[in-house]
Protein backbone atom coordinates (compact mmCIF):
# COMPACT_ATOMS: atom_id res chain seq x y z
CA UNK A 1 77.43 -35.15 122.49
CA UNK A 2 73.76 -36.01 122.00
CA UNK A 3 72.48 -37.24 118.66
CA UNK A 4 68.75 -36.68 119.18
CA UNK A 5 67.47 -33.21 118.29
CA UNK A 6 65.48 -32.78 121.51
CA UNK A 7 68.52 -33.77 123.57
CA UNK A 8 70.63 -31.21 121.70
CA UNK A 9 68.05 -28.53 122.42
CA UNK A 10 67.89 -29.51 126.09
CA UNK A 11 71.66 -29.23 126.30
CA UNK A 12 71.56 -25.71 124.79
CA UNK A 13 68.81 -24.71 127.21
CA UNK A 14 70.72 -26.17 130.14
CA UNK A 15 73.90 -24.27 129.24
CA UNK A 16 71.99 -21.00 128.86
CA UNK A 17 70.17 -21.47 132.18
CA UNK A 18 73.42 -22.36 133.96
CA UNK A 19 75.13 -19.23 132.67
CA UNK A 20 72.13 -17.07 133.61
CA UNK A 21 71.88 -18.59 137.10
CA UNK A 22 75.61 -18.17 137.69
CA UNK A 23 75.46 -14.49 136.75
CA UNK A 24 72.40 -13.81 138.90
CA UNK A 25 73.81 -15.67 141.88
CA UNK A 26 77.08 -13.74 141.57
CA UNK A 27 75.22 -10.42 141.42
CA UNK A 28 73.19 -11.42 144.47
CA UNK A 29 76.30 -12.34 146.48
CA UNK A 30 78.00 -9.09 145.51
CA UNK A 31 74.96 -7.07 146.58
CA UNK A 32 74.80 -8.91 149.91
CA UNK A 33 78.47 -8.23 150.60
CA UNK A 34 78.04 -4.58 149.67
CA UNK A 35 75.03 -4.25 151.98
CA UNK A 36 77.00 -5.74 154.89
CA UNK A 37 79.84 -3.22 154.72
CA UNK A 38 80.03 -0.80 157.65
CA UNK A 39 79.73 2.28 155.41
CA UNK A 40 76.70 0.83 153.61
CA UNK A 41 73.86 3.02 152.52
CA UNK A 42 70.14 2.34 152.63
CA UNK A 43 70.33 2.22 148.85
CA UNK A 44 72.69 -0.78 148.93
CA UNK A 45 70.47 -2.58 151.39
CA UNK A 46 67.34 -1.91 149.31
CA UNK A 47 69.09 -3.26 146.22
CA UNK A 48 70.08 -6.41 148.10
CA UNK A 49 66.51 -6.95 149.32
CA UNK A 50 65.18 -6.52 145.78
CA UNK A 51 67.66 -9.06 144.43
CA UNK A 52 66.83 -11.50 147.24
CA UNK A 53 63.12 -11.23 146.52
CA UNK A 54 63.66 -11.73 142.80
CA UNK A 55 65.99 -14.70 143.33
CA UNK A 56 63.46 -16.38 145.62
CA UNK A 57 60.60 -15.72 143.20
CA UNK A 58 62.57 -17.15 140.28
CA UNK A 59 63.71 -20.21 142.24
CA UNK A 60 67.39 -19.29 142.31
CA UNK A 61 67.37 -19.57 146.10
CA UNK A 62 64.76 -20.92 148.50
CA UNK A 63 62.25 -18.42 149.88
CA UNK A 64 63.27 -19.17 153.47
CA UNK A 65 66.90 -18.46 152.58
CA UNK A 66 65.89 -15.06 151.22
CA UNK A 67 63.84 -14.37 154.35
CA UNK A 68 66.77 -15.36 156.57
CA UNK A 69 69.18 -13.05 154.75
CA UNK A 70 66.72 -10.15 154.93
CA UNK A 71 66.05 -10.77 158.61
CA UNK A 72 69.75 -10.82 159.48
CA UNK A 73 70.33 -7.66 157.46
CA UNK A 74 67.54 -5.85 159.34
CA UNK A 75 68.84 -7.12 162.66
CA UNK A 76 72.29 -5.66 161.97
CA UNK A 77 70.78 -2.34 160.87
CA UNK A 78 68.65 -2.04 164.01
CA UNK A 79 71.71 -2.11 166.29
């Protein structure tokens, strides 16, 4: 446990960010799985694309990772 006030604050910030990132990453993974289901709707796919874009913008995932997921999703839809 830190003794210095700034270290205590950094620890609080780190815990909050970790919890937020975990929740957002979980929501993103759920949306991707939902969009990949055979009976998916365009709505599910649009939601997944929105979450991918947001995650890349916020730094949760790399922008190329988001682009790769979107590209693969489109490729499967085109078939």
